[in-house]
Amino acid sequence: MAATAVRYLRSVGAATTAAPRTPPDALPRPDLRAVRDGERPPVAPAEFRRVLGHFASGVTVVTARDADGPTGFACQSFASLSLDPPLVSFMVARTSTTWPRIARAGVFCVNILGAEQGALCRGFAVSGADKFADVAYGEAPATGSPLLDSVPAWIDCRIHAVHTGGDHLIVVGRVEALDAAEEGDPLLFHRGAFGRLSR
């Protein structure tokens, strides 16, 4: 049967083999390049900070425990990411000395700070100091990461993924446990200063 069909196709001058497929036109490649020495970035860092400072954010302290003990840092760049699976994210500078310890631990706890905890935030924003001196804390239930006393909410996580983002890393955590108080205002950061909700 197949031989008969091939003979017929040849008799009428039709092709008996499939023509090679032409690949579709590729999309244009984006203009990606590194900033060369002597080039100025398109936006001055001071102007970038000034404009982005108009975006008010909550304030957190991200904590973990490694072989050397508890560690943590103040972090504004925290966000919920996914409901299913439950994921959150935060950004950390590549130059951070705390991040390698959190990465080694493989877990972390996000402590969401309340309106009266500006001093606590400032303590965790200092580099090189003993950030846990005189700070009361317990253990987050799933990972054992430091859970700061009196925070209005907390999220206990395992590191799910880490992505690059310029001079920062984007850390994605899978939520293992979390809880929050029913009352209490958040600590806010806006234009370089702490603030609170006005009701």
C-alpha atoms as a PDB file:
ATOM      1  CA  MET A   1       0.000   0.000   0.000  1.00  0.00           C
ATOM      2  CA  ALA A   2       2.752   2.449   0.954  1.00  0.00           C
ATOM      3  CA  ALA A   3       4.712   1.601  -2.214  1.00  0.00           C
ATOM      4  CA  THR A   4       1.631   2.278  -4.360  1.00  0.00           C
ATOM      5  CA  ALA A   5       1.152   5.670  -2.709  1.00  0.00           C
ATOM      6  CA  VAL A   6       4.794   6.615  -3.316  1.00  0.00           C
ATOM      7  CA  ARG A   7       4.506   5.593  -7.033  1.00  0.00           C
ATOM      8  CA  TYR A   8       1.373   7.719  -7.380  1.00  0.00           C
ATOM      9  CA  LEU A   9       2.986  10.755  -5.766  1.00  0.00           C
ATOM     10  CA  ARG A  10       6.018  10.449  -8.052  1.00  0.00           C
ATOM     11  CA  SER A  11       3.800  10.182 -11.130  1.00  0.00           C
ATOM     12  CA  VAL A  12       2.091  13.488 -10.339  1.00  0.00           C
ATOM     13  CA  GLY A  13       5.361  15.215  -9.378  1.00  0.00           C
ATOM     14  CA  ALA A  14       4.590  15.511  -5.668  1.00  0.00           C
ATOM     15  CA  ALA A  15       7.313  15.286  -3.046  1.00  0.00           C
ATOM     16  CA  THR A  16       7.639  11.893  -1.416  1.00  0.00           C
ATOM     17  CA  THR A  17       9.693  13.039   1.588  1.00  0.00           C
ATOM     18  CA  ALA A  18       8.893  15.743   4.095  1.00  0.00           C
ATOM     19  CA  ALA A  19      10.553  19.071   3.411  1.00  0.00           C
ATOM     20  CA  PRO A  20      12.969  20.184   6.103  1.00  0.00           C
ATOM     21  CA  ARG A  21      11.265  22.421   8.651  1.00  0.00           C
ATOM     22  CA  THR A  22      12.409  26.011   8.772  1.00  0.00           C
ATOM     23  CA  PRO A  23      12.857  27.209  12.323  1.00  0.00           C
ATOM     24  CA  PRO A  24      10.694  30.192  13.241  1.00  0.00           C
ATOM     25  CA  ASP A  25      12.352  33.575  13.403  1.00  0.00           C
ATOM     26  CA  ALA A  26      13.965  34.005  16.810  1.00  0.00           C
ATOM     27  CA  LEU A  27      12.851  36.890  18.971  1.00  0.00           C
ATOM     28  CA  PRO A  28      15.341  39.753  19.086  1.00  0.00           C
ATOM     29  CA  ARG A  29      17.829  39.343  21.900  1.00  0.00           C
ATOM     30  CA  PRO A  30      17.499  41.890  24.699  1.00  0.00           C
ATOM     31  CA  ASP A  31      20.234  44.461  25.007  1.00  0.00           C
ATOM     32  CA  LEU A  32      22.018  43.023  28.042  1.00  0.00           C
ATOM     33  CA  ARG A  33      25.444  44.238  29.034  1.00  0.00           C
ATOM     34  CA  ALA A  34      27.439  45.024  32.132  1.00  0.00           C
ATOM     35  CA  VAL A  35      28.277  48.607  33.046  1.00  0.00           C
ATOM     36  CA  ARG A  36      31.804  49.208  31.851  1.00  0.00           C
ATOM     37  CA  ASP A  37      34.512  50.984  33.847  1.00  0.00           C
ATOM     38  CA  GLY A  38      33.971  54.716  33.625  1.00  0.00           C
ATOM     39  CA  GLU A  39      30.302  54.395  32.649  1.00  0.00           C
ATOM     40  CA  ARG A  40      27.753  56.049  34.861  1.00  0.00           C
ATOM     41  CA  PRO A  41      24.619  54.107  35.798  1.00  0.00           C
ATOM     42  CA  PRO A  42      21.461  55.595  34.258  1.00  0.00           C
ATOM     43  CA  VAL A  43      20.168  56.626  37.697  1.00  0.00           C
ATOM     44  CA  ALA A  44      22.281  58.177  40.432  1.00  0.00           C
ATOM     45  CA  PRO A  45      22.184  56.044  43.610  1.00  0.00           C
ATOM     46  CA  ALA A  46      21.194  59.028  45.778  1.00  0.00           C
ATOM     47  CA  GLU A  47      18.276  59.833  43.477  1.00  0.00           C
ATOM     48  CA  PHE A  48      17.259  56.172  43.403  1.00  0.00           C
ATOM     49  CA  ARG A  49      17.146  56.083  47.217  1.00  0.00           C
ATOM     50  CA  ARG A  50      15.292  59.417  47.415  1.00  0.00           C
ATOM     51  CA  VAL A  51      12.509  58.368  45.057  1.00  0.00           C
ATOM     52  CA  LEU A  52      12.142  54.795  46.336  1.00  0.00           C
ATOM     53  CA  GLY A  53      12.056  56.151  49.890  1.00  0.00           C
ATOM     54  CA  HIS A  54       8.529  57.357  49.141  1.00  0.00           C
ATOM     55  CA  PHE A  55       7.387  53.735  49.200  1.00  0.00           C
ATOM     56  CA  ALA A  56       6.479  52.954  52.799  1.00  0.00           C
ATOM     57  CA  SER A  57       7.316  49.448  53.966  1.00  0.00           C
ATOM     58  CA  GLY A  58       7.042  47.315  57.027  1.00  0.00           C
ATOM     59  CA  VAL A  59      10.165  46.389  58.969  1.00  0.00           C
ATOM     60  CA  THR A  60      11.345  42.917  59.910  1.00  0.00           C
ATOM     61  CA  VAL A  61      14.292  41.211  61.546  1.00  0.00           C
ATOM     62  CA  VAL A  62      15.400  38.035  59.755  1.00  0.00           C
ATOM     63  CA  THR A  63      17.051  35.607  62.173  1.00  0.00           C
ATOM     64  CA  ALA A  64      18.755  32.218  62.093  1.00  0.00           C
ATOM     65  CA  ARG A  65      21.043  30.092  64.228  1.00  0.00           C
ATOM     66  CA  ASP A  66      24.250  28.464  63.004  1.00  0.00           C
ATOM     67  CA  ALA A  67      27.110  26.715  64.814  1.00  0.00           C
ATOM     68  CA  ASP A  68      28.312  30.095  66.149  1.00  0.00           C
ATOM     69  CA  GLY A  69      24.965  31.007  67.697  1.00  0.00           C
ATOM     70  CA  PRO A  70      22.109  33.350  66.791  1.00  0.00           C
ATOM     71  CA  THR A  71      22.405  35.843  63.949  1.00  0.00           C
ATOM     72  CA  GLY A  72      20.086  38.288  62.233  1.00  0.00           C
ATOM     73  CA  PHE A  73      19.647  41.570  60.398  1.00  0.00           C
ATOM     74  CA  ALA A  74      17.023  44.285  59.946  1.00  0.00           C
ATOM     75  CA  CYS A  75      15.194  43.937  56.638  1.00  0.00           C
ATOM     76  CA  GLN A  76      12.614  46.129  54.873  1.00  0.00           C
ATOM     77  CA  SER A  77      12.540  44.177  51.623  1.00  0.00           C
ATOM     78  CA  PHE A  78      10.267  41.376  52.801  1.00  0.00           C
ATOM     79  CA  ALA A  79       7.175  40.261  50.884  1.00  0.00           C
ATOM     80  CA  SER A  80       4.704  37.415  50.584  1.00  0.00           C
ATOM     81  CA  LEU A  81       5.263  35.558  47.319  1.00  0.00           C
ATOM     82  CA  SER A  82       2.983  32.536  46.898  1.00  0.00           C
ATOM     83  CA  LEU A  83      -0.020  31.015  48.618  1.00  0.00           C
ATOM     84  CA  ASP A  84       0.334  27.506  47.167  1.00  0.00           C
ATOM     85  CA  PRO A  85       2.988  26.545  48.065  1.00  0.00           C
ATOM     86  CA  PRO A  86       3.348  29.094  50.860  1.00  0.00           C
ATOM     87  CA  LEU A  87       6.423  31.153  49.947  1.00  0.00           C
ATOM     88  CA  VAL A  88       7.858  34.457  51.146  1.00  0.00           C
ATOM     89  CA  SER A  89      10.873  36.425  49.990  1.00  0.00           C
ATOM     90  CA  PHE A  90      13.408  38.947  51.213  1.00  0.00           C
ATOM     91  CA  MET A  91      16.366  40.697  49.654  1.00  0.00           C
ATOM     92  CA  VAL A  92      19.812  40.930  51.197  1.00  0.00           C
ATOM     93  CA  ALA A  93      22.944  42.776  50.042  1.00  0.00           C
ATOM     94  CA  ARG A  94      25.686  40.588  48.605  1.00  0.00           C
ATOM     95  CA  THR A  95      28.072  42.349  50.997  1.00  0.00           C
ATOM     96  CA  SER A  96      26.106  41.225  54.069  1.00  0.00           C
ATOM     97  CA  THR A  97      28.177  39.358  56.630  1.00  0.00           C
ATOM     98  CA  THR A  98      25.016  37.906  58.200  1.00  0.00           C
ATOM     99  CA  TRP A  99      23.656  36.279  55.034  1.00  0.00           C
ATOM    100  CA  PRO A 100      26.375  33.563  54.761  1.00  0.00           C
ATOM    101  CA  ARG A 101      25.461  32.403  58.268  1.00  0.00           C
ATOM    102  CA  ILE A 102      21.748  32.269  57.412  1.00  0.00           C
ATOM    103  CA  ALA A 103      22.583  30.419  54.195  1.00  0.00           C
ATOM    104  CA  ARG A 104      24.594  27.838  56.144  1.00  0.00           C
ATOM    105  CA  ALA A 105      21.710  27.375  58.568  1.00  0.00           C
ATOM    106  CA  GLY A 106      19.341  26.760  55.638  1.00  0.00           C
ATOM    107  CA  VAL A 107      16.432  28.166  57.652  1.00  0.00           C
ATOM    108  CA  PHE A 108      15.286  31.537  58.980  1.00  0.00           C
ATOM    109  CA  CYS A 109      12.543  33.287  60.899  1.00  0.00           C
ATOM    110  CA  VAL A 110      11.048  36.599  59.781  1.00  0.00           C
ATOM    111  CA  ASN A 111      10.140  38.652  62.853  1.00  0.00           C
ATOM    112  CA  ILE A 112       7.664  41.385  61.868  1.00  0.00           C
ATOM    113  CA  LEU A 113       8.242  44.369  64.119  1.00  0.00           C
ATOM    114  CA  GLY A 114       5.585  46.369  65.933  1.00  0.00           C
ATOM    115  CA  ALA A 115       5.190  50.135  66.109  1.00  0.00           C
ATOM    116  CA  GLU A 116       7.147  50.427  69.377  1.00  0.00           C
ATOM    117  CA  GLN A 117      10.146  48.346  68.243  1.00  0.00           C
ATOM    118  CA  GLY A 118      12.212  50.968  66.401  1.00  0.00           C
ATOM    119  CA  ALA A 119      15.094  50.588  68.865  1.00  0.00           C
ATOM    120  CA  LEU A 120      15.105  46.819  68.299  1.00  0.00           C
ATOM    121  CA  CYS A 121      15.304  47.417  64.551  1.00  0.00           C
ATOM    122  CA  ARG A 122      18.205  49.856  64.942  1.00  0.00           C
ATOM    123  CA  GLY A 123      20.084  47.280  67.021  1.00  0.00           C
ATOM    124  CA  PHE A 124      19.837  44.716  64.221  1.00  0.00           C
ATOM    125  CA  ALA A 125      20.799  47.275  61.566  1.00  0.00           C
ATOM    126  CA  VAL A 126      24.286  47.757  63.063  1.00  0.00           C
ATOM    127  CA  SER A 127      27.103  45.761  61.487  1.00  0.00           C
ATOM    128  CA  GLY A 128      29.629  43.947  63.636  1.00  0.00           C
ATOM    129  CA  ALA A 129      27.903  44.385  67.004  1.00  0.00           C
ATOM    130  CA  ASP A 130      26.454  41.697  69.265  1.00  0.00           C
ATOM    131  CA  LYS A 131      22.912  42.161  67.988  1.00  0.00           C
ATOM    132  CA  PHE A 132      21.399  39.747  70.504  1.00  0.00           C
ATOM    133  CA  ALA A 133      22.817  41.461  73.606  1.00  0.00           C
ATOM    134  CA  ASP A 134      19.897  42.154  75.950  1.00  0.00           C
ATOM    135  CA  VAL A 135      17.391  40.856  73.367  1.00  0.00           C
ATOM    136  CA  ALA A 136      14.879  38.326  74.662  1.00  0.00           C
ATOM    137  CA  TYR A 137      13.988  35.529  72.266  1.00  0.00           C
ATOM    138  CA  GLY A 138      12.836  31.930  72.082  1.00  0.00           C
ATOM    139  CA  GLU A 139      12.870  29.327  69.305  1.00  0.00           C
ATOM    140  CA  ALA A 140      10.619  29.223  66.268  1.00  0.00           C
ATOM    141  CA  PRO A 141       8.750  25.897  66.347  1.00  0.00           C
ATOM    142  CA  ALA A 142       9.739  24.398  63.002  1.00  0.00           C
ATOM    143  CA  THR A 143      13.350  25.495  62.536  1.00  0.00           C
ATOM    144  CA  GLY A 144      14.602  26.613  65.948  1.00  0.00           C
ATOM    145  CA  SER A 145      15.537  30.028  64.531  1.00  0.00           C
ATOM    146  CA  PRO A 146      15.436  32.897  67.042  1.00  0.00           C
ATOM    147  CA  LEU A 147      11.893  34.141  67.583  1.00  0.00           C
ATOM    148  CA  LEU A 148      12.078  37.609  69.140  1.00  0.00           C
ATOM    149  CA  ASP A 149       9.853  38.279  72.141  1.00  0.00           C
ATOM    150  CA  SER A 150       6.852  40.574  71.703  1.00  0.00           C
ATOM    151  CA  VAL A 151       6.866  40.744  67.888  1.00  0.00           C
ATOM    152  CA  PRO A 152       3.297  40.988  66.572  1.00  0.00           C
ATOM    153  CA  ALA A 153       3.878  38.352  63.867  1.00  0.00           C
ATOM    154  CA  TRP A 154       6.466  35.832  62.730  1.00  0.00           C
ATOM    155  CA  ILE A 155       7.060  33.441  59.809  1.00  0.00           C
ATOM    156  CA  ASP A 156       9.300  30.371  60.223  1.00  0.00           C
ATOM    157  CA  CYS A 157      10.889  29.218  56.931  1.00  0.00           C
ATOM    158  CA  ARG A 158      13.289  26.932  55.135  1.00  0.00           C
ATOM    159  CA  ILE A 159      15.363  28.364  52.284  1.00  0.00           C
ATOM    160  CA  HIS A 160      13.619  27.347  49.059  1.00  0.00           C
ATOM    161  CA  ALA A 161      15.675  29.213  46.427  1.00  0.00           C
ATOM    162  CA  VAL A 162      18.167  32.056  46.036  1.00  0.00           C
ATOM    163  CA  HIS A 163      18.310  34.278  42.936  1.00  0.00           C
ATOM    164  CA  THR A 164      20.653  37.065  41.905  1.00  0.00           C
ATOM    165  CA  GLY A 165      19.338  40.607  41.708  1.00  0.00           C
ATOM    166  CA  GLY A 166      22.086  43.118  40.942  1.00  0.00           C
ATOM    167  CA  ASP A 167      23.952  43.974  44.127  1.00  0.00           C
ATOM    168  CA  HIS A 168      21.433  41.958  46.179  1.00  0.00           C
ATOM    169  CA  LEU A 169      20.298  38.355  46.488  1.00  0.00           C
ATOM    170  CA  ILE A 170      16.611  37.417  46.368  1.00  0.00           C
ATOM    171  CA  VAL A 171      15.947  34.740  48.968  1.00  0.00           C
ATOM    172  CA  VAL A 172      12.773  32.657  48.736  1.00  0.00           C
ATOM    173  CA  GLY A 173      11.606  30.809  51.836  1.00  0.00           C
ATOM    174  CA  ARG A 174       9.050  28.038  52.160  1.00  0.00           C
ATOM    175  CA  VAL A 175       6.833  28.704  55.161  1.00  0.00           C
ATOM    176  CA  GLU A 176       6.838  25.944  57.783  1.00  0.00           C
ATOM    177  CA  ALA A 177       4.970  27.761  60.576  1.00  0.00           C
ATOM    178  CA  LEU A 178       3.647  31.239  61.346  1.00  0.00           C
ATOM    179  CA  ASP A 179       1.513  33.153  63.793  1.00  0.00           C
ATOM    180  CA  ALA A 180       0.348  36.666  64.621  1.00  0.00           C
ATOM    181  CA  ALA A 181      -1.226  38.602  67.465  1.00  0.00           C
ATOM    182  CA  GLU A 182      -4.760  39.851  66.952  1.00  0.00           C
ATOM    183  CA  GLU A 183      -3.832  43.425  67.846  1.00  0.00           C
ATOM    184  CA  GLY A 184      -0.894  45.780  67.414  1.00  0.00           C
ATOM    185  CA  ASP A 185       0.257  48.294  64.808  1.00  0.00           C
ATOM    186  CA  PRO A 186       3.228  47.613  62.519  1.00  0.00           C
ATOM    187  CA  LEU A 187       6.501  49.520  62.500  1.00  0.00           C
ATOM    188  CA  LEU A 188       6.727  51.411  59.200  1.00  0.00           C
ATOM    189  CA  PHE A 189       9.708  52.911  57.398  1.00  0.00           C
ATOM    190  CA  HIS A 190       9.182  55.901  55.109  1.00  0.00           C
ATOM    191  CA  ARG A 191      11.655  58.441  53.704  1.00  0.00           C
ATOM    192  CA  GLY A 192      14.422  57.430  56.082  1.00  0.00           C
ATOM    193  CA  ALA A 193      12.386  57.467  59.274  1.00  0.00           C
ATOM    194  CA  PHE A 194      10.179  55.156  61.319  1.00  0.00           C
ATOM    195  CA  GLY A 195       6.463  55.809  61.413  1.00  0.00           C
ATOM    196  CA  ARG A 196       3.190  54.224  62.377  1.00  0.00           C
ATOM    197  CA  LEU A 197      -0.343  53.991  61.053  1.00  0.00           C
ATOM    198  CA  SER A 198      -2.657  56.845  61.959  1.00  0.00           C
ATOM    199  CA  ARG A 199      -6.235  55.711  62.423  1.00  0.00           C
END
